[in-house]
Full PDB file with SEQRES, HELIX, SHEET, SSBOND, CRYST1, ORIGX, SCALE, CONECT and MASTER records, all heavy atoms in Angstrom:
SEQRES   1 A   33  VAL LYS MET SER GLN TYR PHE SER VAL TYR SER GLU LEU          
SEQRES   2 A   33  LEU LYS LYS PHE ARG ASN LYS LYS CYS LYS LEU VAL GLU          
SEQRES   3 A   33  ILE GLY VAL LEU ASP GLY GLY                                  
HELIX    1 AA1 TYR A    6  LEU A   14  1                                   9    
HELIX    2 AA2 LYS A   15  PHE A   17  5                                   3    
CRYST1    1.000    1.000    1.000  90.00  90.00  90.00 P 1           1          
ORIGX1      1.000000  0.000000  0.000000        0.00000                         
ORIGX2      0.000000  1.000000  0.000000        0.00000                         
ORIGX3      0.000000  0.000000  1.000000        0.00000                         
SCALE1      1.000000  0.000000  0.000000        0.00000                         
SCALE2      0.000000  1.000000  0.000000        0.00000                         
SCALE3      0.000000  0.000000  1.000000        0.00000                         
ATOM      1  N   VAL A   1      94.158  90.329  79.872  1.00  0.00           N  
ATOM      2  CA  VAL A   1      95.553  90.539  79.493  1.00  0.00           C  
ATOM      3  C   VAL A   1      96.424  90.523  80.759  1.00  0.00           C  
ATOM      4  O   VAL A   1      96.158  91.260  81.704  1.00  0.00           O  
ATOM      5  CB  VAL A   1      95.737  91.893  78.765  1.00  0.00           C  
ATOM      6  CG1 VAL A   1      97.202  92.148  78.453  1.00  0.00           C  
ATOM      7  CG2 VAL A   1      94.901  91.940  77.521  1.00  0.00           C  
ATOM      8  N   LYS A   2      97.426  89.686  80.749  1.00  0.00           N  
ATOM      9  CA  LYS A   2      98.430  89.670  81.813  1.00  0.00           C  
ATOM     10  C   LYS A   2      99.783  89.454  81.152  1.00  0.00           C  
ATOM     11  O   LYS A   2      99.911  88.652  80.229  1.00  0.00           O  
ATOM     12  CB  LYS A   2      98.187  88.518  82.809  1.00  0.00           C  
ATOM     13  CG  LYS A   2      96.945  88.644  83.636  1.00  0.00           C  
ATOM     14  CD  LYS A   2      97.091  89.697  84.700  1.00  0.00           C  
ATOM     15  CE  LYS A   2      95.806  89.755  85.524  1.00  0.00           C  
ATOM     16  NZ  LYS A   2      95.501  91.081  85.995  1.00  0.00           N  
ATOM     17  N   MET A   3     100.774  90.154  81.612  1.00  0.00           N  
ATOM     18  CA  MET A   3     102.134  89.954  81.122  1.00  0.00           C  
ATOM     19  C   MET A   3     102.576  88.550  81.554  1.00  0.00           C  
ATOM     20  O   MET A   3     102.285  88.112  82.661  1.00  0.00           O  
ATOM     21  CB  MET A   3     103.074  91.015  81.669  1.00  0.00           C  
ATOM     22  CG  MET A   3     102.723  92.419  81.194  1.00  0.00           C  
ATOM     23  SD  MET A   3     103.818  93.633  81.915  1.00  0.00           S  
ATOM     24  CE  MET A   3     104.803  94.015  80.494  1.00  0.00           C  
ATOM     25  N   SER A   4     103.291  87.864  80.695  1.00  0.00           N  
ATOM     26  CA  SER A   4     103.673  86.476  80.998  1.00  0.00           C  
ATOM     27  C   SER A   4     104.528  86.372  82.255  1.00  0.00           C  
ATOM     28  O   SER A   4     104.469  85.375  82.965  1.00  0.00           O  
ATOM     29  CB  SER A   4     104.381  85.866  79.798  1.00  0.00           C  
ATOM     30  OG  SER A   4     105.555  86.600  79.491  1.00  0.00           O  
ATOM     31  N   GLN A   5     105.290  87.404  82.560  1.00  0.00           N  
ATOM     32  CA  GLN A   5     106.128  87.390  83.753  1.00  0.00           C  
ATOM     33  C   GLN A   5     105.310  87.399  85.040  1.00  0.00           C  
ATOM     34  O   GLN A   5     105.814  87.015  86.101  1.00  0.00           O  
ATOM     35  CB  GLN A   5     107.062  88.615  83.781  1.00  0.00           C  
ATOM     36  CG  GLN A   5     107.975  88.724  82.611  1.00  0.00           C  
ATOM     37  CD  GLN A   5     107.380  89.531  81.467  1.00  0.00           C  
ATOM     38  OE1 GLN A   5     106.177  89.489  81.218  1.00  0.00           O  
ATOM     39  NE2 GLN A   5     108.219  90.254  80.755  1.00  0.00           N  
ATOM     40  N   TYR A   6     104.064  87.803  84.958  1.00  0.00           N  
ATOM     41  CA  TYR A   6     103.227  87.892  86.163  1.00  0.00           C  
ATOM     42  C   TYR A   6     102.883  86.524  86.744  1.00  0.00           C  
ATOM     43  O   TYR A   6     102.645  86.376  87.930  1.00  0.00           O  
ATOM     44  CB  TYR A   6     101.929  88.637  85.871  1.00  0.00           C  
ATOM     45  CG  TYR A   6     102.071  90.132  85.665  1.00  0.00           C  
ATOM     46  CD1 TYR A   6     103.301  90.767  85.635  1.00  0.00           C  
ATOM     47  CD2 TYR A   6     100.942  90.914  85.480  1.00  0.00           C  
ATOM     48  CE1 TYR A   6     103.407  92.130  85.435  1.00  0.00           C  
ATOM     49  CE2 TYR A   6     101.035  92.276  85.261  1.00  0.00           C  
ATOM     50  CZ  TYR A   6     102.272  92.885  85.256  1.00  0.00           C  
ATOM     51  OH  TYR A   6     102.355  94.234  85.070  1.00  0.00           O  
ATOM     52  N   PHE A   7     102.819  85.499  85.909  1.00  0.00           N  
ATOM     53  CA  PHE A   7     102.325  84.210  86.375  1.00  0.00           C  
ATOM     54  C   PHE A   7     103.208  83.605  87.462  1.00  0.00           C  
ATOM     55  O   PHE A   7     102.702  83.057  88.440  1.00  0.00           O  
ATOM     56  CB  PHE A   7     102.118  83.238  85.196  1.00  0.00           C  
ATOM     57  CG  PHE A   7     100.994  83.680  84.297  1.00  0.00           C  
ATOM     58  CD1 PHE A   7     101.262  84.278  83.100  1.00  0.00           C  
ATOM     59  CD2 PHE A   7      99.689  83.556  84.709  1.00  0.00           C  
ATOM     60  CE1 PHE A   7     100.232  84.721  82.270  1.00  0.00           C  
ATOM     61  CE2 PHE A   7      98.647  83.988  83.898  1.00  0.00           C  
ATOM     62  CZ  PHE A   7      98.928  84.560  82.678  1.00  0.00           C  
ATOM     63  N   SER A   8     104.519  83.702  87.321  1.00  0.00           N  
ATOM     64  CA  SER A   8     105.371  83.141  88.369  1.00  0.00           C  
ATOM     65  C   SER A   8     105.251  83.959  89.651  1.00  0.00           C  
ATOM     66  O   SER A   8     105.252  83.399  90.742  1.00  0.00           O  
ATOM     67  CB  SER A   8     106.825  83.057  87.886  1.00  0.00           C  
ATOM     68  OG  SER A   8     107.316  84.322  87.587  1.00  0.00           O  
ATOM     69  N   VAL A   9     105.132  85.268  89.524  1.00  0.00           N  
ATOM     70  CA  VAL A   9     105.006  86.125  90.705  1.00  0.00           C  
ATOM     71  C   VAL A   9     103.662  85.859  91.403  1.00  0.00           C  
ATOM     72  O   VAL A   9     103.603  85.653  92.615  1.00  0.00           O  
ATOM     73  CB  VAL A   9     105.141  87.610  90.325  1.00  0.00           C  
ATOM     74  CG1 VAL A   9     104.857  88.513  91.524  1.00  0.00           C  
ATOM     75  CG2 VAL A   9     106.510  87.884  89.753  1.00  0.00           C  
ATOM     76  N   TYR A  10     102.590  85.866  90.625  1.00  0.00           N  
ATOM     77  CA  TYR A  10     101.274  85.587  91.204  1.00  0.00           C  
ATOM     78  C   TYR A  10     101.234  84.223  91.855  1.00  0.00           C  
ATOM     79  O   TYR A  10     100.691  84.053  92.947  1.00  0.00           O  
ATOM     80  CB  TYR A  10     100.189  85.665  90.131  1.00  0.00           C  
ATOM     81  CG  TYR A  10      99.656  87.062  89.909  1.00  0.00           C  
ATOM     82  CD1 TYR A  10      99.683  87.627  88.645  1.00  0.00           C  
ATOM     83  CD2 TYR A  10      99.114  87.778  90.952  1.00  0.00           C  
ATOM     84  CE1 TYR A  10      99.175  88.907  88.440  1.00  0.00           C  
ATOM     85  CE2 TYR A  10      98.607  89.054  90.747  1.00  0.00           C  
ATOM     86  CZ  TYR A  10      98.644  89.606  89.479  1.00  0.00           C  
ATOM     87  OH  TYR A  10      98.153  90.865  89.291  1.00  0.00           O  
ATOM     88  N   SER A  11     101.783  83.238  91.193  1.00  0.00           N  
ATOM     89  CA  SER A  11     101.805  81.875  91.738  1.00  0.00           C  
ATOM     90  C   SER A  11     102.506  81.846  93.090  1.00  0.00           C  
ATOM     91  O   SER A  11     102.002  81.264  94.051  1.00  0.00           O  
ATOM     92  CB  SER A  11     102.482  80.946  90.747  1.00  0.00           C  
ATOM     93  OG  SER A  11     102.744  79.702  91.318  1.00  0.00           O  
ATOM     94  N   GLU A  12     103.647  82.480  93.160  1.00  0.00           N  
ATOM     95  CA  GLU A  12     104.420  82.487  94.402  1.00  0.00           C  
ATOM     96  C   GLU A  12     103.665  83.204  95.520  1.00  0.00           C  
ATOM     97  O   GLU A  12     103.631  82.721  96.660  1.00  0.00           O  
ATOM     98  CB  GLU A  12     105.777  83.147  94.165  1.00  0.00           C  
ATOM     99  CG  GLU A  12     106.693  83.141  95.382  1.00  0.00           C  
ATOM    100  CD  GLU A  12     107.091  81.734  95.824  1.00  0.00           C  
ATOM    101  OE1 GLU A  12     107.167  80.838  94.978  1.00  0.00           O  
ATOM    102  OE2 GLU A  12     107.283  81.538  97.046  1.00  0.00           O  
ATOM    103  N   LEU A  13     103.048  84.318  95.214  1.00  0.00           N  
ATOM    104  CA  LEU A  13     102.356  85.108  96.235  1.00  0.00           C  
ATOM    105  C   LEU A  13     101.031  84.495  96.671  1.00  0.00           C  
ATOM    106  O   LEU A  13     100.634  84.630  97.841  1.00  0.00           O  
ATOM    107  CB  LEU A  13     102.101  86.523  95.723  1.00  0.00           C  
ATOM    108  CG  LEU A  13     103.319  87.408  95.546  1.00  0.00           C  
ATOM    109  CD1 LEU A  13     102.934  88.721  94.861  1.00  0.00           C  
ATOM    110  CD2 LEU A  13     104.002  87.671  96.882  1.00  0.00           C  
ATOM    111  N   LEU A  14     100.331  83.848  95.762  1.00  0.00           N  
ATOM    112  CA  LEU A  14      98.949  83.452  96.035  1.00  0.00           C  
ATOM    113  C   LEU A  14      98.709  81.982  96.254  1.00  0.00           C  
ATOM    114  O   LEU A  14      97.615  81.573  96.641  1.00  0.00           O  
ATOM    115  CB  LEU A  14      98.040  83.978  94.922  1.00  0.00           C  
ATOM    116  CG  LEU A  14      98.105  85.486  94.664  1.00  0.00           C  
ATOM    117  CD1 LEU A  14      97.108  85.867  93.587  1.00  0.00           C  
ATOM    118  CD2 LEU A  14      97.869  86.271  95.938  1.00  0.00           C  
ATOM    119  N   LYS A  15      99.727  81.154  96.039  1.00  0.00           N  
ATOM    120  CA  LYS A  15      99.492  79.702  96.165  1.00  0.00           C  
ATOM    121  C   LYS A  15      99.020  79.308  97.570  1.00  0.00           C  
ATOM    122  O   LYS A  15      98.290  78.342  97.725  1.00  0.00           O  
ATOM    123  CB  LYS A  15     100.714  78.910  95.734  1.00  0.00           C  
ATOM    124  CG  LYS A  15     101.944  79.106  96.566  1.00  0.00           C  
ATOM    125  CD  LYS A  15     103.119  78.349  95.956  1.00  0.00           C  
ATOM    126  CE  LYS A  15     104.387  78.682  96.681  1.00  0.00           C  
ATOM    127  NZ  LYS A  15     105.543  78.105  95.986  1.00  0.00           N  
ATOM    128  N   LYS A  16      99.384  80.055  98.589  1.00  0.00           N  
ATOM    129  CA  LYS A  16      98.963  79.702  99.951  1.00  0.00           C  
ATOM    130  C   LYS A  16      97.471  79.900 100.169  1.00  0.00           C  
ATOM    131  O   LYS A  16      96.917  79.405 101.144  1.00  0.00           O  
ATOM    132  CB  LYS A  16      99.774  80.513 100.983  1.00  0.00           C  
ATOM    133  CG  LYS A  16      99.477  82.015 100.977  1.00  0.00           C  
ATOM    134  CD  LYS A  16     100.347  82.729 101.964  1.00  0.00           C  
ATOM    135  CE  LYS A  16     100.129  84.212 101.928  1.00  0.00           C  
ATOM    136  NZ  LYS A  16     101.063  84.926 102.783  1.00  0.00           N  
ATOM    137  N   PHE A  17      96.805  80.620  99.264  1.00  0.00           N  
ATOM    138  CA  PHE A  17      95.368  80.852  99.371  1.00  0.00           C  
ATOM    139  C   PHE A  17      94.534  79.806  98.629  1.00  0.00           C  
ATOM    140  O   PHE A  17      93.325  79.790  98.753  1.00  0.00           O  
ATOM    141  CB  PHE A  17      95.001  82.237  98.832  1.00  0.00           C  
ATOM    142  CG  PHE A  17      95.582  83.358  99.640  1.00  0.00           C  
ATOM    143  CD1 PHE A  17      96.717  84.026  99.213  1.00  0.00           C  
ATOM    144  CD2 PHE A  17      94.987  83.770 100.820  1.00  0.00           C  
ATOM    145  CE1 PHE A  17      97.255  85.073  99.949  1.00  0.00           C  
ATOM    146  CE2 PHE A  17      95.501  84.808 101.583  1.00  0.00           C  
ATOM    147  CZ  PHE A  17      96.637  85.464 101.136  1.00  0.00           C  
ATOM    148  N   ARG A  18      95.171  78.948  97.869  1.00  0.00           N  
ATOM    149  CA  ARG A  18      94.438  77.986  97.052  1.00  0.00           C  
ATOM    150  C   ARG A  18      93.640  77.029  97.927  1.00  0.00           C  
ATOM    151  O   ARG A  18      94.116  76.513  98.915  1.00  0.00           O  
ATOM    152  CB  ARG A  18      95.391  77.186  96.167  1.00  0.00           C  
ATOM    153  CG  ARG A  18      96.056  78.081  95.116  1.00  0.00           C  
ATOM    154  CD  ARG A  18      96.816  77.312  94.112  1.00  0.00           C  
ATOM    155  NE  ARG A  18      95.878  76.717  93.161  1.00  0.00           N  
ATOM    156  CZ  ARG A  18      96.220  75.865  92.216  1.00  0.00           C  
ATOM    157  NH1 ARG A  18      97.481  75.486  92.099  1.00  0.00           N  
ATOM    158  NH2 ARG A  18      95.341  75.388  91.398  1.00  0.00           N  
ATOM    159  N   ASN A  19      92.386  76.846  97.513  1.00  0.00           N  
ATOM    160  CA  ASN A  19      91.439  75.932  98.175  1.00  0.00           C  
ATOM    161  C   ASN A  19      91.239  76.286  99.649  1.00  0.00           C  
ATOM    162  O   ASN A  19      90.926  75.426 100.458  1.00  0.00           O  
ATOM    163  CB  ASN A  19      91.908  74.477  98.020  1.00  0.00           C  
ATOM    164  CG  ASN A  19      92.007  74.103  96.559  1.00  0.00           C  
ATOM    165  OD1 ASN A  19      91.059  74.308  95.804  1.00  0.00           O  
ATOM    166  ND2 ASN A  19      93.153  73.601  96.148  1.00  0.00           N  
ATOM    167  N   LYS A  20      91.392  77.571  99.971  1.00  0.00           N  
ATOM    168  CA  LYS A  20      91.116  78.070 101.318  1.00  0.00           C  
ATOM    169  C   LYS A  20      90.124  79.235 101.217  1.00  0.00           C  
ATOM    170  O   LYS A  20      90.042  79.894 100.186  1.00  0.00           O  
ATOM    171  CB  LYS A  20      92.406  78.552 101.988  1.00  0.00           C  
ATOM    172  CG  LYS A  20      93.374  77.420 102.224  1.00  0.00           C  
ATOM    173  CD  LYS A  20      94.586  77.906 102.940  1.00  0.00           C  
ATOM    174  CE  LYS A  20      95.473  76.698 103.199  1.00  0.00           C  
ATOM    175  NZ  LYS A  20      96.849  77.024 103.299  1.00  0.00           N  
ATOM    176  N   LYS A  21      89.432  79.472 102.294  1.00  0.00           N  
ATOM    177  CA  LYS A  21      88.532  80.614 102.323  1.00  0.00           C  
ATOM    178  C   LYS A  21      89.375  81.891 102.299  1.00  0.00           C  
ATOM    179  O   LYS A  21      90.245  82.086 103.152  1.00  0.00           O  
ATOM    180  CB  LYS A  21      87.658  80.575 103.581  1.00  0.00           C  
ATOM    181  CG  LYS A  21      86.599  81.606 103.600  1.00  0.00           C  
ATOM    182  CD  LYS A  21      85.692  81.447 104.798  1.00  0.00           C  
ATOM    183  CE  LYS A  21      84.674  82.573 104.748  1.00  0.00           C  
ATOM    184  NZ  LYS A  21      83.748  82.484 105.849  1.00  0.00           N  
ATOM    185  N   CYS A  22      89.131  82.725 101.289  1.00  0.00           N  
ATOM    186  CA  CYS A  22      89.856  83.974 101.185  1.00  0.00           C  
ATOM    187  C   CYS A  22      89.002  84.942 100.344  1.00  0.00           C  
ATOM    188  O   CYS A  22      88.031  84.530  99.692  1.00  0.00           O  
ATOM    189  CB  CYS A  22      91.228  83.787 100.544  1.00  0.00           C  
ATOM    190  SG  CYS A  22      91.200  83.259  98.830  1.00  0.00           S  
ATOM    191  N   LYS A  23      89.379  86.197 100.403  1.00  0.00           N  
ATOM    192  CA  LYS A  23      88.662  87.230  99.672  1.00  0.00           C  
ATOM    193  C   LYS A  23      89.644  87.980  98.800  1.00  0.00           C  
ATOM    194  O   LYS A  23      90.562  88.648  99.290  1.00  0.00           O  
ATOM    195  CB  LYS A  23      87.972  88.174 100.655  1.00  0.00           C  
ATOM    196  CG  LYS A  23      86.877  89.010 100.074  1.00  0.00           C  
ATOM    197  CD  LYS A  23      86.186  89.856 101.137  1.00  0.00           C  
ATOM    198  CE  LYS A  23      85.472  89.004 102.146  1.00  0.00           C  
ATOM    199  NZ  LYS A  23      84.718  89.797 103.139  1.00  0.00           N  
ATOM    200  N   LEU A  24      89.457  87.888  97.478  1.00  0.00           N  
ATOM    201  CA  LEU A  24      90.303  88.568  96.501  1.00  0.00           C  
ATOM    202  C   LEU A  24      89.489  89.674  95.837  1.00  0.00           C  
ATOM    203  O   LEU A  24      88.371  89.445  95.396  1.00  0.00           O  
ATOM    204  CB  LEU A  24      90.809  87.603  95.452  1.00  0.00           C  
ATOM    205  CG  LEU A  24      91.680  88.210  94.336  1.00  0.00           C  
ATOM    206  CD1 LEU A  24      92.773  87.228  93.954  1.00  0.00           C  
ATOM    207  CD2 LEU A  24      90.876  88.590  93.100  1.00  0.00           C  
ATOM    208  N   VAL A  25      90.077  90.865  95.773  1.00  0.00           N  
ATOM    209  CA  VAL A  25      89.469  91.996  95.096  1.00  0.00           C  
ATOM    210  C   VAL A  25      90.367  92.400  93.954  1.00  0.00           C  
ATOM    211  O   VAL A  25      91.575  92.602  94.152  1.00  0.00           O  
ATOM    212  CB  VAL A  25      89.281  93.196  96.054  1.00  0.00           C  
ATOM    213  CG1 VAL A  25      88.738  94.412  95.317  1.00  0.00           C  
ATOM    214  CG2 VAL A  25      88.399  92.823  97.221  1.00  0.00           C  
ATOM    215  N   GLU A  26      89.795  92.505  92.754  1.00  0.00           N  
ATOM    216  CA  GLU A  26      90.578  92.985  91.615  1.00  0.00           C  
ATOM    217  C   GLU A  26      89.921  94.216  91.029  1.00  0.00           C  
ATOM    218  O   GLU A  26      88.745  94.212  90.702  1.00  0.00           O  
ATOM    219  CB  GLU A  26      90.749  91.915  90.535  1.00  0.00           C  
ATOM    220  CG  GLU A  26      91.650  92.460  89.421  1.00  0.00           C  
ATOM    221  CD  GLU A  26      92.201  91.395  88.499  1.00  0.00           C  
ATOM    222  OE1 GLU A  26      91.521  90.373  88.264  1.00  0.00           O  
ATOM    223  OE2 GLU A  26      93.318  91.600  87.983  1.00  0.00           O  
ATOM    224  N   ILE A  27      90.726  95.257  90.911  1.00  0.00           N  
ATOM    225  CA  ILE A  27      90.289  96.494  90.280  1.00  0.00           C  
ATOM    226  C   ILE A  27      90.611  96.364  88.794  1.00  0.00           C  
ATOM    227  O   ILE A  27      91.755  96.057  88.438  1.00  0.00           O  
ATOM    228  CB  ILE A  27      91.043  97.712  90.886  1.00  0.00           C  
ATOM    229  CG1 ILE A  27      90.851  97.729  92.393  1.00  0.00           C  
ATOM    230  CG2 ILE A  27      90.581  98.999  90.227  1.00  0.00           C  
ATOM    231  CD1 ILE A  27      91.911  98.534  93.111  1.00  0.00           C  
ATOM    232  N   GLY A  28      89.626  96.593  87.964  1.00  0.00           N  
ATOM    233  CA  GLY A  28      89.814  96.474  86.522  1.00  0.00           C  
ATOM    234  C   GLY A  28      89.249  95.164  86.009  1.00  0.00           C  
ATOM    235  O   GLY A  28      89.983  94.203  85.814  1.00  0.00           O  
ATOM    236  N   VAL A  29      87.954  95.102  85.818  1.00  0.00           N  
ATOM    237  CA  VAL A  29      87.289  93.856  85.416  1.00  0.00           C  
ATOM    238  C   VAL A  29      87.395  93.618  83.929  1.00  0.00           C  
ATOM    239  O   VAL A  29      87.546  92.481  83.484  1.00  0.00           O  
ATOM    240  CB  VAL A  29      85.803  93.895  85.864  1.00  0.00           C  
ATOM    241  CG1 VAL A  29      85.020  92.757  85.278  1.00  0.00           C  
ATOM    242  CG2 VAL A  29      85.712  93.912  87.397  1.00  0.00           C  
ATOM    243  N   LEU A  30      87.294  94.673  83.123  1.00  0.00           N  
ATOM    244  CA  LEU A  30      87.325  94.590  81.664  1.00  0.00           C  
ATOM    245  C   LEU A  30      86.281  93.572  81.179  1.00  0.00           C  
ATOM    246  O   LEU A  30      85.095  93.749  81.427  1.00  0.00           O  
ATOM    247  CB  LEU A  30      88.720  94.275  81.146  1.00  0.00           C  
ATOM    248  CG  LEU A  30      88.977  94.445  79.651  1.00  0.00           C  
ATOM    249  CD1 LEU A  30      88.710  95.881  79.201  1.00  0.00           C  
ATOM    250  CD2 LEU A  30      90.371  94.010  79.272  1.00  0.00           C  
ATOM    251  N   ASP A  31      86.711  92.499  80.539  1.00  0.00           N  
ATOM    252  CA  ASP A  31      85.789  91.498  80.013  1.00  0.00           C  
ATOM    253  C   ASP A  31      85.620  90.293  80.917  1.00  0.00           C  
ATOM    254  O   ASP A  31      85.091  89.268  80.493  1.00  0.00           O  
ATOM    255  CB  ASP A  31      86.234  91.058  78.617  1.00  0.00           C  
ATOM    256  CG  ASP A  31      86.028  92.174  77.590  1.00  0.00           C  
ATOM    257  OD1 ASP A  31      85.029  92.913  77.695  1.00  0.00           O  
ATOM    258  OD2 ASP A  31      86.875  92.303  76.689  1.00  0.00           O  
ATOM    259  N   GLY A  32      86.105  90.348  82.135  1.00  0.00           N  
ATOM    260  CA  GLY A  32      85.836  89.325  83.126  1.00  0.00           C  
ATOM    261  C   GLY A  32      86.772  88.140  83.165  1.00  0.00           C  
ATOM    262  O   GLY A  32      86.642  87.268  84.027  1.00  0.00           O  
ATOM    263  N   GLY A  33      87.715  88.067  82.259  1.00  0.00           N  
ATOM    264  CA  GLY A  33      88.595  86.896  82.212  1.00  0.00           C  
ATOM    265  C   GLY A  33      89.317  86.628  83.508  1.00  0.00           C  
ATOM    266  O   GLY A  33      89.434  85.483  83.957  1.00  0.00           O  
TER     267      GLY A  33                                                      
MASTER        0    0    0    2    0    0    0    6  266    1    0    3          
END                                                                             
């Protein structure tokens, strides 16, 4: 579950990490989506 408004914010913040070596940690795995 993600609020639809999050996608533009996430995209803006994280696009510089695409296809690069990086380490992302997410708290709250739930069903793994």
